[in-house]
C-alpha atoms as a PDB file:
ATOM      1  CA  MET A   1     114.531  84.678  94.182  1.00  0.00           C
ATOM      2  CA  LYS A   2     114.987  81.666  92.234  1.00  0.00           C
ATOM      3  CA  GLN A   3     114.850  78.522  94.488  1.00  0.00           C
ATOM      4  CA  ASP A   4     117.566  75.895  95.120  1.00  0.00           C
ATOM      5  CA  THR A   5     116.577  72.556  93.518  1.00  0.00           C
ATOM      6  CA  LEU A   6     120.230  71.698  92.558  1.00  0.00           C
ATOM      7  CA  PHE A   7     120.308  68.656  94.140  1.00  0.00           C
ATOM      8  CA  ALA A   8     116.371  67.544  94.505  1.00  0.00           C
ATOM      9  CA  LYS A   9     117.294  64.914  91.730  1.00  0.00           C
ATOM     10  CA  PRO A  10     119.599  62.134  92.044  1.00  0.00           C
ATOM     11  CA  GLN A  11     122.775  63.125  90.124  1.00  0.00           C
ATOM     12  CA  PRO A  12     126.426  61.750  90.306  1.00  0.00           C
ATOM     13  CA  LEU A  13     128.831  62.623  93.207  1.00  0.00           C
ATOM     14  CA  VAL A  14     131.113  65.332  92.513  1.00  0.00           C
ATOM     15  CA  ASP A  15     132.540  67.898  94.817  1.00  0.00           C
ATOM     16  CA  PHE A  16     130.468  71.163  95.043  1.00  0.00           C
ATOM     17  CA  THR A  17     131.634  74.337  93.301  1.00  0.00           C
ATOM     18  CA  PHE A  18     130.269  77.988  93.430  1.00  0.00           C
ATOM     19  CA  ASP A  19     129.738  77.900  89.596  1.00  0.00           C
ATOM     20  CA  ASP A  20     126.947  79.488  87.666  1.00  0.00           C
ATOM     21  CA  ALA A  21     124.013  76.958  88.631  1.00  0.00           C
ATOM     22  CA  VAL A  22     125.139  77.907  92.260  1.00  0.00           C
ATOM     23  CA  ALA A  23     125.151  81.442  91.946  1.00  0.00           C
ATOM     24  CA  ASP A  24     121.626  81.599  90.210  1.00  0.00           C
ATOM     25  CA  VAL A  25     120.030  79.895  93.736  1.00  0.00           C
ATOM     26  CA  PHE A  26     122.710  81.244  95.742  1.00  0.00           C
ATOM     27  CA  PRO A  27     120.319  83.455  98.182  1.00  0.00           C
ATOM     28  CA  ASP A  28     117.570  80.774  98.542  1.00  0.00           C
ATOM     29  CA  MET A  29     120.830  78.244  99.074  1.00  0.00           C
ATOM     30  CA  ILE A  30     122.751  80.091 101.872  1.00  0.00           C
ATOM     31  CA  ARG A  31     119.152  81.127 103.571  1.00  0.00           C
ATOM     32  CA  ARG A  32     117.539  77.676 103.945  1.00  0.00           C
ATOM     33  CA  SER A  33     120.930  76.107 104.606  1.00  0.00           C
ATOM     34  CA  VAL A  34     122.755  78.406 106.765  1.00  0.00           C
ATOM     35  CA  PRO A  35     121.090  78.583 110.493  1.00  0.00           C
ATOM     36  CA  GLY A  36     121.184  82.475 111.457  1.00  0.00           C
ATOM     37  CA  TYR A  37     122.841  83.891 108.265  1.00  0.00           C
ATOM     38  CA  GLU A  38     120.583  86.685 107.845  1.00  0.00           C
ATOM     39  CA  THR A  39     120.926  87.674 111.494  1.00  0.00           C
ATOM     40  CA  VAL A  40     124.682  87.891 110.453  1.00  0.00           C
ATOM     41  CA  ILE A  41     124.144  89.922 107.923  1.00  0.00           C
ATOM     42  CA  SER A  42     122.293  92.091 109.474  1.00  0.00           C
ATOM     43  CA  LEU A  43     124.128  92.572 112.318  1.00  0.00           C
ATOM     44  CA  LEU A  44     127.970  92.570 111.266  1.00  0.00           C
ATOM     45  CA  GLY A  45     126.972  95.848 109.471  1.00  0.00           C
ATOM     46  CA  GLY A  46     126.483  97.545 112.861  1.00  0.00           C
ATOM     47  CA  LEU A  47     129.636  95.984 114.354  1.00  0.00           C
ATOM     48  CA  ALA A  48     131.245  96.917 111.586  1.00  0.00           C
ATOM     49  CA  LYS A  49     130.116 100.585 112.163  1.00  0.00           C
ATOM     50  CA  LEU A  50     131.735 100.735 115.722  1.00  0.00           C
ATOM     51  CA  TYR A  51     135.105 100.173 113.958  1.00  0.00           C
ATOM     52  CA  ALA A  52     135.295 101.115 110.421  1.00  0.00           C
ATOM     53  CA  GLU A  53     137.324 104.646 110.142  1.00  0.00           C
ATOM     54  CA  ASP A  54     137.498 107.058 107.367  1.00  0.00           C
ATOM     55  CA  ASP A  55     139.606 106.904 104.575  1.00  0.00           C
ATOM     56  CA  SER A  56     140.183 103.076 105.595  1.00  0.00           C
ATOM     57  CA  ASN A  57     139.341  99.929 103.199  1.00  0.00           C
ATOM     58  CA  ILE A  58     136.750  97.348 104.156  1.00  0.00           C
ATOM     59  CA  TYR A  59     137.430  93.914 102.569  1.00  0.00           C
ATOM     60  CA  ASP A  60     135.086  91.370 101.989  1.00  0.00           C
ATOM     61  CA  LEU A  61     136.894  88.351 101.372  1.00  0.00           C
ATOM     62  CA  GLY A  62     134.895  85.222  99.567  1.00  0.00           C
ATOM     63  CA  CYS A  63     132.449  87.834  99.198  1.00  0.00           C
ATOM     64  CA  SER A  64     129.790  85.845  97.003  1.00  0.00           C
ATOM     65  CA  LEU A  65     126.935  88.075  95.947  1.00  0.00           C
ATOM     66  CA  GLY A  66     128.253  90.973  98.545  1.00  0.00           C
ATOM     67  CA  ALA A  67     125.462  90.587 100.940  1.00  0.00           C
ATOM     68  CA  ALA A  68     128.148  91.378 104.163  1.00  0.00           C
ATOM     69  CA  THR A  69     129.143  94.543 101.734  1.00  0.00           C
ATOM     70  CA  LEU A  70     125.459  95.573 101.180  1.00  0.00           C
ATOM     71  CA  SER A  71     125.107  95.353 105.174  1.00  0.00           C
ATOM     72  CA  ILE A  72     128.039  97.139 106.343  1.00  0.00           C
ATOM     73  CA  TYR A  73     127.549  99.952 103.511  1.00  0.00           C
ATOM     74  CA  SER A  74     124.092 100.710 104.766  1.00  0.00           C
ATOM     75  CA  GLN A  75     125.357 101.483 108.468  1.00  0.00           C
ATOM     76  CA  THR A  76     128.689 103.537 106.964  1.00  0.00           C
ATOM     77  CA  ARG A  77     127.350 105.428 104.069  1.00  0.00           C
ATOM     78  CA  THR A  78     128.263 108.453 105.617  1.00  0.00           C
ATOM     79  CA  LYS A  79     132.127 107.373 105.996  1.00  0.00           C
ATOM     80  CA  ASN A  80     134.769 107.776 103.642  1.00  0.00           C
ATOM     81  CA  LEU A  81     135.411 104.412 102.720  1.00  0.00           C
ATOM     82  CA  LYS A  82     136.787 102.053 100.050  1.00  0.00           C
ATOM     83  CA  HIS A  83     135.027  98.837  99.677  1.00  0.00           C
ATOM     84  CA  ILE A  84     136.803  95.725  98.266  1.00  0.00           C
ATOM     85  CA  CYS A  85     135.064  92.426  97.078  1.00  0.00           C
ATOM     86  CA  ILE A  86     136.823  89.312  96.455  1.00  0.00           C
ATOM     87  CA  ASP A  87     136.089  85.946  95.197  1.00  0.00           C
ATOM     88  CA  ASN A  88     137.495  83.141  93.057  1.00  0.00           C
ATOM     89  CA  SER A  89     134.408  82.125  91.460  1.00  0.00           C
ATOM     90  CA  GLU A  90     134.014  84.247  88.158  1.00  0.00           C
ATOM     91  CA  ALA A  91     129.852  83.420  88.314  1.00  0.00           C
ATOM     92  CA  MET A  92     129.810  84.782  91.949  1.00  0.00           C
ATOM     93  CA  ALA A  93     132.262  88.033  90.960  1.00  0.00           C
ATOM     94  CA  ARG A  94     130.345  88.787  88.302  1.00  0.00           C
ATOM     95  CA  ARG A  95     126.988  88.891  89.901  1.00  0.00           C
ATOM     96  CA  CYS A  96     128.170  90.680  92.684  1.00  0.00           C
ATOM     97  CA  GLN A  97     129.777  93.371  90.532  1.00  0.00           C
ATOM     98  CA  SER A  98     126.329  94.019  89.177  1.00  0.00           C
ATOM     99  CA  ARG A  99     124.459  93.946  92.163  1.00  0.00           C
ATOM    100  CA  LEU A 100     126.374  96.122  94.275  1.00  0.00           C
ATOM    101  CA  VAL A 101     126.432  98.593  91.716  1.00  0.00           C
ATOM    102  CA  ARG A 102     122.871  98.592  91.203  1.00  0.00           C
ATOM    103  CA  HIS A 103     122.354  99.142  95.197  1.00  0.00           C
ATOM    104  CA  MET A 104     125.618 101.088  96.047  1.00  0.00           C
ATOM    105  CA  PRO A 105     125.937 103.300  92.848  1.00  0.00           C
ATOM    106  CA  GLU A 106     127.928 105.976  95.005  1.00  0.00           C
ATOM    107  CA  ALA A 107     129.938 103.782  96.742  1.00  0.00           C
ATOM    108  CA  ASN A 108     133.665 103.668  96.271  1.00  0.00           C
ATOM    109  CA  LEU A 109     133.809  99.866  94.871  1.00  0.00           C
ATOM    110  CA  LYS A 110     136.010  97.445  93.288  1.00  0.00           C
ATOM    111  CA  VAL A 111     135.182  93.843  92.848  1.00  0.00           C
ATOM    112  CA  LEU A 112     137.819  91.414  92.221  1.00  0.00           C
ATOM    113  CA  CYS A 113     137.814  87.911  90.783  1.00  0.00           C
ATOM    114  CA  GLU A 114     140.952  85.939  92.634  1.00  0.00           C
ATOM    115  CA  ASN A 115     142.137  84.122  95.034  1.00  0.00           C
ATOM    116  CA  ILE A 116     141.756  85.496  98.902  1.00  0.00           C
ATOM    117  CA  GLU A 117     145.128  84.139  99.784  1.00  0.00           C
ATOM    118  CA  ASP A 118     146.858  86.486  96.823  1.00  0.00           C
ATOM    119  CA  THR A 119     144.605  89.440  98.139  1.00  0.00           C
ATOM    120  CA  ASN A 120     146.865  92.033  99.248  1.00  0.00           C
ATOM    121  CA  ILE A 121     145.459  93.680 102.243  1.00  0.00           C
ATOM    122  CA  GLU A 122     146.237  97.546 103.452  1.00  0.00           C
ATOM    123  CA  ASN A 123     145.294 100.301 105.370  1.00  0.00           C
ATOM    124  CA  ALA A 124     141.972  98.188 106.622  1.00  0.00           C
ATOM    125  CA  SER A 125     139.702  98.938 109.160  1.00  0.00           C
ATOM    126  CA  VAL A 126     137.408  95.814 108.933  1.00  0.00           C
ATOM    127  CA  VAL A 127     137.881  92.456 107.319  1.00  0.00           C
ATOM    128  CA  VAL A 128     134.956  90.198 106.720  1.00  0.00           C
ATOM    129  CA  ILE A 129     135.516  86.694 106.187  1.00  0.00           C
ATOM    130  CA  ASN A 130     132.037  84.836 106.007  1.00  0.00           C
ATOM    131  CA  PHE A 131     131.667  81.032 105.816  1.00  0.00           C
ATOM    132  CA  THR A 132     134.743  81.290 103.492  1.00  0.00           C
ATOM    133  CA  LEU A 133     137.579  80.240 105.234  1.00  0.00           C
ATOM    134  CA  GLN A 134     136.642  76.741 105.783  1.00  0.00           C
ATOM    135  CA  PHE A 135     136.670  76.074 101.725  1.00  0.00           C
ATOM    136  CA  LEU A 136     140.802  76.697 102.076  1.00  0.00           C
ATOM    137  CA  SER A 137     143.271  74.141 102.523  1.00  0.00           C
ATOM    138  CA  ILE A 138     143.916  74.142 106.283  1.00  0.00           C
ATOM    139  CA  LYS A 139     147.677  74.717 105.493  1.00  0.00           C
ATOM    140  CA  SER A 140     146.710  78.142 104.344  1.00  0.00           C
ATOM    141  CA  ARG A 141     144.456  79.466 106.595  1.00  0.00           C
ATOM    142  CA  LEU A 142     146.876  80.895 109.170  1.00  0.00           C
ATOM    143  CA  ALA A 143     149.006  82.622 106.194  1.00  0.00           C
ATOM    144  CA  LEU A 144     145.770  84.406 105.066  1.00  0.00           C
ATOM    145  CA  LEU A 145     144.703  85.653 108.949  1.00  0.00           C
ATOM    146  CA  LYS A 146     148.240  86.912 109.673  1.00  0.00           C
ATOM    147  CA  LYS A 147     148.015  88.563 106.314  1.00  0.00           C
ATOM    148  CA  VAL A 148     144.767  90.012 107.189  1.00  0.00           C
ATOM    149  CA  TYR A 149     146.379  90.851 110.736  1.00  0.00           C
ATOM    150  CA  GLN A 150     149.192  92.913 109.379  1.00  0.00           C
ATOM    151  CA  GLY A 151     146.845  94.506 106.690  1.00  0.00           C
ATOM    152  CA  LEU A 152     144.481  96.106 109.834  1.00  0.00           C
ATOM    153  CA  ARG A 153     144.479  99.308 111.177  1.00  0.00           C
ATOM    154  CA  PRO A 154     145.162  99.589 115.101  1.00  0.00           C
ATOM    155  CA  ASN A 155     141.899  98.950 116.600  1.00  0.00           C
ATOM    156  CA  GLY A 156     140.685  97.388 113.198  1.00  0.00           C
ATOM    157  CA  ILE A 157     138.495  94.193 113.127  1.00  0.00           C
ATOM    158  CA  LEU A 158     137.893  90.857 111.580  1.00  0.00           C
ATOM    159  CA  ILE A 159     134.713  89.340 111.581  1.00  0.00           C
ATOM    160  CA  LEU A 160     134.812  85.747 110.910  1.00  0.00           C
ATOM    161  CA  SER A 161     132.253  83.472 110.381  1.00  0.00           C
ATOM    162  CA  GLU A 162     132.263  79.729 110.004  1.00  0.00           C
ATOM    163  CA  LYS A 163     130.714  76.422 110.219  1.00  0.00           C
ATOM    164  CA  LEU A 164     131.953  74.210 113.705  1.00  0.00           C
ATOM    165  CA  LEU A 165     133.273  70.944 114.487  1.00  0.00           C
ATOM    166  CA  PHE A 166     132.876  69.799 117.829  1.00  0.00           C
ATOM    167  CA  SER A 167     135.767  67.641 119.220  1.00  0.00           C
ATOM    168  CA  ASP A 168     133.069  65.520 121.507  1.00  0.00           C
ATOM    169  CA  GLU A 169     131.515  62.955 118.803  1.00  0.00           C
ATOM    170  CA  GLN A 170     128.499  63.220 120.653  1.00  0.00           C
ATOM    171  CA  GLN A 171     127.683  66.606 120.592  1.00  0.00           C
ATOM    172  CA  ASN A 172     128.992  66.788 116.886  1.00  0.00           C
ATOM    173  CA  GLN A 173     126.524  64.454 115.739  1.00  0.00           C
ATOM    174  CA  LEU A 174     123.487  66.239 117.749  1.00  0.00           C
ATOM    175  CA  GLN A 175     124.871  69.485 116.045  1.00  0.00           C
ATOM    176  CA  ILE A 176     124.795  68.173 112.697  1.00  0.00           C
ATOM    177  CA  ASP A 177     121.407  66.569 113.364  1.00  0.00           C
ATOM    178  CA  TRP A 178     120.121  69.518 114.381  1.00  0.00           C
ATOM    179  CA  HIS A 179     121.349  71.536 111.359  1.00  0.00           C
ATOM    180  CA  HIS A 180     119.994  68.687 108.883  1.00  0.00           C
ATOM    181  CA  SER A 181     116.542  69.154 110.502  1.00  0.00           C
ATOM    182  CA  PHE A 182     116.647  73.130 109.841  1.00  0.00           C
ATOM    183  CA  LYS A 183     117.345  72.032 106.234  1.00  0.00           C
ATOM    184  CA  ARG A 184     114.372  70.055 106.478  1.00  0.00           C
ATOM    185  CA  ALA A 185     111.866  72.587 107.806  1.00  0.00           C
ATOM    186  CA  ASN A 186     113.276  74.875 105.251  1.00  0.00           C
ATOM    187  CA  GLY A 187     111.609  72.610 102.334  1.00  0.00           C
ATOM    188  CA  TYR A 188     114.814  70.412 101.736  1.00  0.00           C
ATOM    189  CA  SER A 189     114.391  66.497 101.139  1.00  0.00           C
ATOM    190  CA  ASP A 190     116.174  63.971 102.572  1.00  0.00           C
ATOM    191  CA  MET A 191     117.831  63.219  99.489  1.00  0.00           C
ATOM    192  CA  GLU A 192     118.660  66.724  98.982  1.00  0.00           C
ATOM    193  CA  VAL A 193     120.235  66.840 102.446  1.00  0.00           C
ATOM    194  CA  SER A 194     122.182  63.769 101.618  1.00  0.00           C
ATOM    195  CA  GLN A 195     123.548  65.065  98.397  1.00  0.00           C
ATOM    196  CA  LYS A 196     125.032  68.388  99.154  1.00  0.00           C
ATOM    197  CA  ARG A 197     126.357  66.941 102.254  1.00  0.00           C
ATOM    198  CA  LYS A 198     128.393  64.465 100.132  1.00  0.00           C
ATOM    199  CA  ALA A 199     129.163  67.059  97.721  1.00  0.00           C
ATOM    200  CA  LEU A 200     130.380  69.426 100.252  1.00  0.00           C
ATOM    201  CA  GLU A 201     132.744  66.387 102.222  1.00  0.00           C
ATOM    202  CA  ASN A 202     135.890  67.133 100.284  1.00  0.00           C
ATOM    203  CA  VAL A 203     135.636  70.700 100.185  1.00  0.00           C
ATOM    204  CA  LEU A 204     134.054  72.596 103.302  1.00  0.00           C
ATOM    205  CA  ILE A 205     136.311  71.333 106.225  1.00  0.00           C
ATOM    206  CA  PRO A 206     135.062  73.058 109.264  1.00  0.00           C
ATOM    207  CA  ASP A 207     137.529  73.493 112.533  1.00  0.00           C
ATOM    208  CA  THR A 208     136.349  73.649 116.320  1.00  0.00           C
ATOM    209  CA  PHE A 209     136.403  76.726 117.743  1.00  0.00           C
ATOM    210  CA  GLU A 210     139.224  75.947 120.059  1.00  0.00           C
ATOM    211  CA  GLN A 211     141.063  75.996 116.608  1.00  0.00           C
ATOM    212  CA  HIS A 212     139.581  78.878 115.396  1.00  0.00           C
ATOM    213  CA  LEU A 213     140.549  80.865 118.647  1.00  0.00           C
ATOM    214  CA  SER A 214     144.329  79.458 118.351  1.00  0.00           C
ATOM    215  CA  ARG A 215     144.684  79.987 114.959  1.00  0.00           C
ATOM    216  CA  LEU A 216     143.707  83.761 115.661  1.00  0.00           C
ATOM    217  CA  LYS A 217     146.254  83.908 118.639  1.00  0.00           C
ATOM    218  CA  GLN A 218     148.914  82.733 116.381  1.00  0.00           C
ATOM    219  CA  ALA A 219     148.002  85.510 113.455  1.00  0.00           C
ATOM    220  CA  GLY A 220     148.582  88.170 116.070  1.00  0.00           C
ATOM    221  CA  PHE A 221     144.519  88.695 117.309  1.00  0.00           C
ATOM    222  CA  GLU A 222     145.044  88.971 121.241  1.00  0.00           C
ATOM    223  CA  GLN A 223     141.253  89.538 121.714  1.00  0.00           C
ATOM    224  CA  SER A 224     138.833  87.199 119.927  1.00  0.00           C
ATOM    225  CA  TYR A 225     135.288  86.680 120.953  1.00  0.00           C
ATOM    226  CA  GLN A 226     132.536  84.673 119.711  1.00  0.00           C
ATOM    227  CA  TRP A 227     129.380  87.173 118.895  1.00  0.00           C
ATOM    228  CA  PHE A 228     126.950  84.410 117.154  1.00  0.00           C
ATOM    229  CA  GLN A 229     126.045  80.722 116.990  1.00  0.00           C
ATOM    230  CA  ALA A 230     122.950  78.902 115.731  1.00  0.00           C
ATOM    231  CA  PHE A 231     123.820  75.196 116.011  1.00  0.00           C
ATOM    232  CA  ASN A 232     126.732  74.334 114.239  1.00  0.00           C
ATOM    233  CA  PHE A 233     127.592  77.502 112.532  1.00  0.00           C
ATOM    234  CA  ALA A 234     129.098  80.803 114.807  1.00  0.00           C
ATOM    235  CA  SER A 235     130.916  84.214 114.331  1.00  0.00           C
ATOM    236  CA  LEU A 236     133.707  85.724 115.704  1.00  0.00           C
ATOM    237  CA  VAL A 237     135.061  89.059 116.034  1.00  0.00           C
ATOM    238  CA  ALA A 238     139.198  89.581 116.489  1.00  0.00           C
ATOM    239  CA  ILE A 239     140.413  92.899 117.430  1.00  0.00           C
ATOM    240  CA  LYS A 240     143.963  93.868 116.256  1.00  0.00           C
ATOM    241  CA  SER A 241     145.085  95.896 119.472  1.00  0.00           C
END
C-alpha cells in the first residue's frame, strides 16, 4: 500500500480531484481519513448478502477501486449476479478494472467510466453509493436517488454512506475537531489536514442526516435506517417496499 503524502508539502490551493496521484495512494488515504471505512466495507458485504437476488444486478456507484464490490462478491459468490461498477475518474476506473479482474476472475463484471447521473439502473437488488453522493451537485442528488429507487427490485436496498453535516453549530465543530484528531492519530500533520480540507471545501458538500432521510423519502424509500456512524461519517440502508 503506497503511503499518502500528497499534502505533506506546501502547495497552491486547487480543488481536489480523483486523478492518477490520488488513485495511486487511495487505499491508504481513505483508511487514514474516513473513520470506520474498513468496518463499513467489511459489513456492507454481509448486508448485501441478505438482499442480493439471483439473476439481478449489483451496482457500485462511485466505485473508486472497487472495495465495496469485492466485499459484496466475497459474501455472494454462490449467487448469479452481475456486478456493475461506475466511476467518472478514468484513473480510478482503470485501476478498479484491473483489481477486480484479478480478485474476481469468475465474476460477471462490468466497469464503466462515466458520471453516475448518466448510469441506467435496472434489475438491481443492491445499489451502493459509498461516500460519493457528497461529491455531486446538491440539485442532482434527488434525481439520482429517484433513478436508483426506480431501478431497484421490490425489497432491494440502497446502501448510502456519507460525511455528515450537523445543524447544531457546536456539535458540528466538535465532530470536525474529532475527525481531525483521528487523522492526526493516523499520521497526518496539521498542514496535511489543513491543505486537504481547503482542497475539498468546494468539492465535497455534506448534508445533514435529516436531509438524507428527507431526500430518500422524496425518492420513494419509505424505510431508511442508519446502521453505522463514526464521528461525522455514517451509513444508511434504504429499502424499497
